[in-house]
N, C-alpha and C. Protein backbone atom coordinates (compact mmCIF):
# COMPACT_ATOMS: atom_id res chain seq x y z
N UNK A 1 -80.68 -95.05 15.70
CA UNK A 1 -80.61 -93.92 16.18
C UNK A 1 -78.68 -93.83 16.26
N UNK A 2 -78.65 -92.56 15.77
CA UNK A 2 -77.26 -91.82 15.01
C UNK A 2 -76.56 -91.60 16.63
N UNK A 3 -75.35 -91.55 16.55
CA UNK A 3 -75.17 -91.63 17.72
C UNK A 3 -74.22 -90.30 17.79
N UNK A 4 -73.94 -88.93 18.68
CA UNK A 4 -73.36 -88.34 18.47
C UNK A 4 -71.24 -88.14 18.51
N UNK A 5 -71.10 -87.94 18.13
CA UNK A 5 -69.52 -88.77 18.65
C UNK A 5 -69.17 -86.62 19.32
N UNK A 6 -69.23 -86.51 20.52
CA UNK A 6 -67.94 -85.57 21.24
C UNK A 6 -67.49 -85.46 19.92
N UNK A 7 -66.53 -84.04 20.15
CA UNK A 7 -66.36 -83.51 19.12
C UNK A 7 -65.50 -82.71 20.29
N UNK A 8 -63.95 -82.58 20.39
CA UNK A 8 -63.76 -81.80 21.08
C UNK A 8 -62.83 -80.57 21.42
N UNK A 9 -63.73 -79.57 21.62
CA UNK A 9 -63.42 -78.42 21.19
C UNK A 9 -61.62 -77.94 21.59
N UNK A 10 -61.98 -76.13 21.69
CA UNK A 10 -60.59 -75.64 22.29
C UNK A 10 -60.98 -74.83 23.76
N UNK A 11 -61.12 -74.36 24.61
CA UNK A 11 -61.36 -73.31 25.70
C UNK A 11 -61.72 -72.15 26.09
N UNK A 12 -61.32 -71.11 27.07
CA UNK A 12 -61.35 -69.96 25.54
C UNK A 12 -60.66 -69.30 26.05
N UNK A 13 -59.58 -69.69 27.37
CA UNK A 13 -58.68 -69.84 27.63
C UNK A 13 -57.50 -69.73 26.23
N UNK A 14 -57.54 -71.07 25.91
CA UNK A 14 -57.12 -71.52 24.21
C UNK A 14 -56.95 -71.12 22.73
N UNK A 15 -58.44 -69.87 23.03
CA UNK A 15 -58.99 -69.53 22.00
C UNK A 15 -58.00 -67.72 22.12
N UNK A 16 -58.04 -67.15 23.59
CA UNK A 16 -57.41 -66.33 23.44
C UNK A 16 -55.80 -66.33 23.30
N UNK A 17 -55.06 -67.29 24.26
CA UNK A 17 -53.67 -67.30 23.89
C UNK A 17 -53.56 -67.37 22.64
N UNK A 18 -54.32 -67.94 21.64
CA UNK A 18 -54.46 -67.72 20.09
C UNK A 18 -54.18 -66.68 19.68
N UNK A 19 -55.93 -65.50 20.18
CA UNK A 19 -55.28 -64.83 19.40
C UNK A 19 -54.27 -63.39 19.70
N UNK A 20 -54.17 -63.84 21.01
CA UNK A 20 -52.76 -62.72 21.19
C UNK A 20 -52.02 -62.58 20.54
N UNK A 21 -51.72 -64.16 20.25
CA UNK A 21 -50.55 -64.40 19.47
C UNK A 21 -50.82 -63.83 17.92
N UNK A 22 -51.35 -63.91 17.29
CA UNK A 22 -51.75 -63.46 16.37
C UNK A 22 -51.47 -61.81 16.45
N UNK A 23 -52.34 -61.47 16.72
CA UNK A 23 -52.26 -60.41 16.79
C UNK A 23 -50.82 -59.42 16.82
N UNK A 24 -50.41 -59.88 18.42
CA UNK A 24 -49.18 -59.88 18.03
C UNK A 24 -48.02 -59.42 17.22
N UNK A 25 -47.92 -60.66 16.45
CA UNK A 25 -47.49 -61.00 15.17
C UNK A 25 -47.39 -60.03 14.29
N UNK A 26 -49.04 -60.10 13.87
CA UNK A 26 -48.89 -59.10 13.03
C UNK A 26 -49.30 -57.52 13.54
N UNK A 27 -49.17 -56.48 14.77
CA UNK A 27 -48.54 -55.21 14.84
C UNK A 27 -46.94 -55.25 15.51
N UNK A 28 -46.24 -56.53 15.22
CA UNK A 28 -44.61 -56.39 14.73
C UNK A 28 -44.41 -56.27 13.35
N UNK A 29 -44.87 -56.73 12.53
CA UNK A 29 -45.05 -57.62 11.40
C UNK A 29 -45.56 -56.07 10.79
N UNK A 30 -46.43 -55.76 10.85
CA UNK A 30 -46.81 -53.93 10.59
C UNK A 30 -45.41 -53.08 10.87
N UNK A 31 -45.04 -53.44 11.73
CA UNK A 31 -44.21 -52.03 12.72
C UNK A 31 -43.02 -51.97 12.42
N UNK A 32 -42.76 -54.31 11.67
CA UNK A 32 -41.10 -53.92 10.45
C UNK A 32 -41.66 -54.28 8.95
N UNK A 33 -41.77 -53.66 8.62
CA UNK A 33 -42.85 -53.41 6.96
C UNK A 33 -43.44 -51.02 6.89
N UNK A 34 -43.62 -50.65 8.30
CA UNK A 34 -43.08 -49.34 8.12
C UNK A 34 -42.20 -48.62 8.10
N UNK A 35 -41.29 -49.25 9.44
CA UNK A 35 -40.11 -49.54 9.21
C UNK A 35 -39.49 -49.15 8.01
N UNK A 36 -39.27 -49.79 7.26
CA UNK A 36 -38.48 -50.56 6.31
C UNK A 36 -39.29 -49.47 4.73
N UNK A 37 -40.08 -49.00 5.45
CA UNK A 37 -41.10 -47.88 3.97
C UNK A 37 -40.06 -46.14 4.21
N UNK A 38 -39.99 -46.47 5.40
CA UNK A 38 -39.66 -45.53 6.03
C UNK A 38 -38.35 -44.85 5.23
N UNK A 39 -37.68 -46.09 5.34
CA UNK A 39 -36.00 -45.82 5.68
C UNK A 39 -35.38 -45.76 3.77
N UNK A 40 -36.30 -47.03 3.10
CA UNK A 40 -36.38 -46.42 2.15
C UNK A 40 -36.80 -45.42 0.82
N UNK A 41 -38.28 -44.98 1.44
CA UNK A 41 -38.06 -43.16 1.00
C UNK A 41 -37.21 -42.28 1.31
N UNK A 42 -36.58 -42.60 2.85
CA UNK A 42 -35.67 -41.30 2.86
C UNK A 42 -34.37 -42.11 1.72
N UNK A 43 -34.60 -42.32 2.17
CA UNK A 43 -32.63 -42.91 0.76
C UNK A 43 -32.86 -43.10 -0.52
N UNK A 44 -34.33 -43.00 -1.37
CA UNK A 44 -34.73 -42.30 -2.17
C UNK A 44 -34.16 -41.31 -3.01
N UNK A 45 -33.16 -40.99 -3.64
CA UNK A 45 -32.49 -39.64 -4.39
C UNK A 45 -32.54 -40.12 -5.26
N UNK A 46 -33.57 -40.69 -5.99
CA UNK A 46 -33.05 -41.11 -7.84
C UNK A 46 -33.67 -38.89 -8.53
N UNK A 47 -35.08 -38.09 -7.38
CA UNK A 47 -35.30 -37.43 -7.81
C UNK A 47 -34.50 -36.49 -7.90
N UNK A 48 -34.06 -36.19 -6.24
CA UNK A 48 -32.28 -35.28 -6.77
C UNK A 48 -31.36 -35.06 -7.50
N UNK A 49 -30.94 -36.34 -8.10
CA UNK A 49 -29.75 -37.00 -8.86
C UNK A 49 -30.55 -35.93 -10.04
N UNK A 50 -31.53 -36.32 -10.65
CA UNK A 50 -32.49 -35.96 -11.92
C UNK A 50 -31.84 -34.16 -11.89
N UNK A 51 -32.72 -33.87 -10.72
CA UNK A 51 -32.91 -32.09 -10.25
C UNK A 51 -30.92 -31.82 -10.71
N UNK A 52 -30.80 -32.82 -10.01
CA UNK A 52 -28.52 -32.14 -10.12
C UNK A 52 -27.67 -32.23 -11.63
N UNK A 53 -27.89 -32.85 -12.91
CA UNK A 53 -28.74 -33.60 -13.44
C UNK A 53 -29.17 -32.26 -14.21
N UNK A 54 -30.37 -31.74 -14.35
CA UNK A 54 -30.73 -31.08 -14.86
C UNK A 54 -29.85 -29.32 -14.55
N UNK A 55 -29.63 -29.47 -13.63
CA UNK A 55 -28.85 -28.35 -13.30
C UNK A 55 -27.99 -27.73 -13.78
N UNK A 56 -27.00 -29.17 -13.82
CA UNK A 56 -25.66 -29.39 -15.03
C UNK A 56 -25.88 -28.94 -15.84
N UNK A 57 -26.84 -29.06 -16.75
CA UNK A 57 -27.20 -28.59 -17.82
C UNK A 57 -27.18 -27.60 -18.27
N UNK A 58 -27.23 -27.18 -17.46
CA UNK A 58 -28.34 -25.46 -17.46
C UNK A 58 -27.28 -24.95 -17.50
N UNK A 59 -25.39 -25.74 -16.30
CA UNK A 59 -24.44 -24.64 -15.83
C UNK A 59 -24.15 -24.41 -17.59
N UNK A 60 -23.96 -26.07 -18.41
CA UNK A 60 -22.84 -25.33 -19.76
C UNK A 60 -23.63 -25.27 -20.09
N UNK A 61 -24.67 -24.97 -20.33
CA UNK A 61 -24.82 -23.60 -21.34
C UNK A 61 -25.45 -22.85 -21.05
N UNK A 62 -25.36 -22.88 -19.76
CA UNK A 62 -25.43 -20.69 -19.15
C UNK A 62 -26.42 -20.52 -18.61
N UNK A 63 -27.04 -21.00 -18.65
CA UNK A 63 -28.63 -20.08 -18.22
C UNK A 63 -28.85 -20.54 -16.72
N UNK A 64 -27.88 -20.70 -15.69
CA UNK A 64 -28.25 -20.41 -14.99
C UNK A 64 -26.49 -19.74 -14.01
N UNK A 65 -28.03 -19.23 -13.31
CA UNK A 65 -26.43 -18.16 -12.64
C UNK A 65 -25.75 -18.58 -11.52
N UNK A 66 -24.91 -18.60 -10.38
CA UNK A 66 -23.66 -18.89 -9.70
C UNK A 66 -24.19 -18.39 -8.71
N UNK A 67 -24.36 -18.45 -7.27
CA UNK A 67 -24.11 -19.06 -6.77
C UNK A 67 -25.78 -19.28 -6.49
N UNK A 68 -26.42 -20.42 -6.52
CA UNK A 68 -27.84 -21.31 -6.60
C UNK A 68 -28.26 -22.11 -5.58
N UNK A 69 -29.40 -21.90 -4.49
CA UNK A 69 -29.66 -22.82 -3.78
C UNK A 69 -31.13 -22.57 -4.00
N UNK A 70 -31.61 -23.98 -3.50
CA UNK A 70 -32.68 -23.91 -3.58
C UNK A 70 -33.13 -25.64 -2.43
N UNK A 71 -34.39 -26.08 -3.08
CA UNK A 71 -35.09 -27.05 -1.23
C UNK A 71 -35.62 -27.75 -3.05
N UNK A 72 -35.56 -29.24 -2.76
CA UNK A 72 -36.46 -29.82 -3.17
C UNK A 72 -36.89 -31.12 -2.01
N UNK A 73 -38.06 -31.31 -1.81
CA UNK A 73 -38.60 -32.29 -0.30
C UNK A 73 -37.94 -32.03 0.60
N UNK A 74 -37.92 -32.50 1.40
CA UNK A 74 -36.40 -32.07 2.19
C UNK A 74 -35.04 -32.35 2.59
N UNK A 75 -34.30 -31.71 1.02
CA UNK A 75 -33.66 -31.86 -0.03
C UNK A 75 -32.90 -30.58 0.00
N UNK A 76 -31.56 -30.08 0.81
CA UNK A 76 -31.01 -28.29 0.19
C UNK A 76 -30.34 -28.65 -1.38
N UNK A 77 -30.14 -27.75 -1.99
CA UNK A 77 -30.39 -28.31 -3.12
C UNK A 77 -28.58 -27.11 -2.94
N UNK A 78 -27.50 -27.23 -3.50
CA UNK A 78 -26.68 -26.06 -3.60
C UNK A 78 -25.98 -25.85 -4.48
N UNK A 79 -25.71 -25.04 -6.00
CA UNK A 79 -24.16 -24.92 -6.75
C UNK A 79 -23.57 -23.65 -6.72
N UNK A 80 -22.36 -23.75 -6.46
CA UNK A 80 -21.56 -22.64 -6.33
C UNK A 80 -19.37 -22.99 -7.00
N UNK A 81 -19.60 -22.82 -7.76
CA UNK A 81 -18.69 -21.86 -8.50
C UNK A 81 -16.91 -21.23 -7.86
N UNK A 82 -15.84 -22.21 -7.49
CA UNK A 82 -14.60 -22.33 -7.29
C UNK A 82 -13.33 -22.32 -8.07
N UNK A 83 -12.93 -20.45 -8.42
CA UNK A 83 -11.72 -21.26 -9.90
C UNK A 83 -12.36 -21.87 -11.10
N UNK A 84 -12.34 -21.96 -11.55
CA UNK A 84 -13.03 -23.20 -12.65
C UNK A 84 -12.85 -24.63 -12.42
N UNK A 85 -14.02 -24.52 -11.34
CA UNK A 85 -14.69 -25.87 -10.63
C UNK A 85 -15.95 -25.24 -10.09
N UNK A 86 -17.20 -26.08 -10.63
CA UNK A 86 -18.11 -25.92 -10.55
C UNK A 86 -18.78 -27.55 -9.22
N UNK A 87 -18.92 -26.44 -7.92
CA UNK A 87 -20.06 -28.60 -7.33
C UNK A 87 -20.33 -27.91 -7.20
N UNK A 88 -21.85 -29.34 -7.16
CA UNK A 88 -22.87 -29.82 -7.23
C UNK A 88 -23.16 -30.43 -6.00
N UNK A 89 -23.87 -29.55 -5.32
CA UNK A 89 -24.91 -29.96 -3.84
C UNK A 89 -25.28 -30.86 -3.16
N UNK A 90 -26.98 -31.91 -2.36
CA UNK A 90 -27.09 -31.98 -2.19
C UNK A 90 -27.64 -32.71 -1.03
N UNK A 91 -27.73 -32.62 -0.14
CA UNK A 91 -27.65 -32.72 1.38
C UNK A 91 -29.14 -32.93 2.24
N UNK A 92 -29.61 -33.67 2.34
CA UNK A 92 -30.73 -34.28 2.73
C UNK A 92 -30.43 -34.49 4.72
N UNK A 93 -31.18 -33.34 5.34
CA UNK A 93 -30.54 -32.96 6.22
C UNK A 93 -31.39 -33.56 8.06
N UNK A 94 -32.30 -34.43 7.59
CA UNK A 94 -32.72 -35.27 8.39
C UNK A 94 -32.34 -36.85 8.40
N UNK A 95 -31.27 -37.17 7.24
CA UNK A 95 -31.29 -38.70 6.90
C UNK A 95 -29.15 -38.48 6.76
N UNK A 96 -28.94 -37.37 6.61
CA UNK A 96 -27.26 -37.47 7.17
C UNK A 96 -26.44 -37.94 6.02
N UNK A 97 -27.15 -37.18 4.97
CA UNK A 97 -27.16 -38.40 3.81
C UNK A 97 -26.50 -37.11 2.68
N UNK A 98 -25.79 -37.52 1.50
CA UNK A 98 -25.62 -36.43 0.84
C UNK A 98 -24.85 -37.58 -0.63
N UNK A 99 -25.11 -36.31 -1.71
CA UNK A 99 -24.64 -36.25 -2.90
C UNK A 99 -23.53 -35.11 -3.76
N UNK A 100 -22.33 -34.75 -3.64
CA UNK A 100 -21.42 -33.67 -4.41
C UNK A 100 -20.91 -34.21 -5.53
N UNK A 101 -21.06 -33.66 -6.46
CA UNK A 101 -20.73 -33.57 -7.62
C UNK A 101 -19.76 -32.36 -7.78
N UNK A 102 -18.39 -32.89 -9.03
CA UNK A 102 -17.73 -32.05 -8.50
C UNK A 102 -17.17 -31.77 -10.42
N UNK A 103 -16.91 -30.55 -11.25
CA UNK A 103 -17.05 -30.87 -13.24
C UNK A 103 -16.26 -29.22 -12.75
N UNK A 104 -15.06 -29.87 -13.96
CA UNK A 104 -14.08 -28.65 -14.33
C UNK A 104 -15.11 -28.01 -14.84
N UNK A 105 -14.85 -26.64 -15.39
CA UNK A 105 -14.52 -26.01 -17.28
C UNK A 105 -13.78 -24.95 -17.38
N UNK A 106 -13.40 -25.36 -18.42
CA UNK A 106 -11.99 -24.69 -18.92
C UNK A 106 -12.80 -23.11 -19.25
C-alpha cells in the first residue's frame, strides 16, 4: 500500500497576505504607467511644430493674413508681425509650456 506523504500547504492568512501584496504592487505600477503616459501625451509637441512649420510656409508665400489666431487640441497658436519680424508662438496653458519662433522678413 502506498503511503501518502503529507504536503505542507499554506494557510489562509498567508494566501491573503500574498494576494494583497500582488494587488498593491499591480495598482502602484498601473498608477505609475498612467502618470507616465499622461506626461508623455502632454509634452508631445510634434503636431504643433508641424503646424508652425506650415504657417511659416504660408507666411513665406503670402497666403496667411496676419495676425492669425487658432487652437490645435489644447494648444493656442498665434502668429503676428512687429515691424519686419514675424513671431510664431504656440502655448499649452495646462502644461505651461510653449514654443516661440521669430523670423525676419525683408
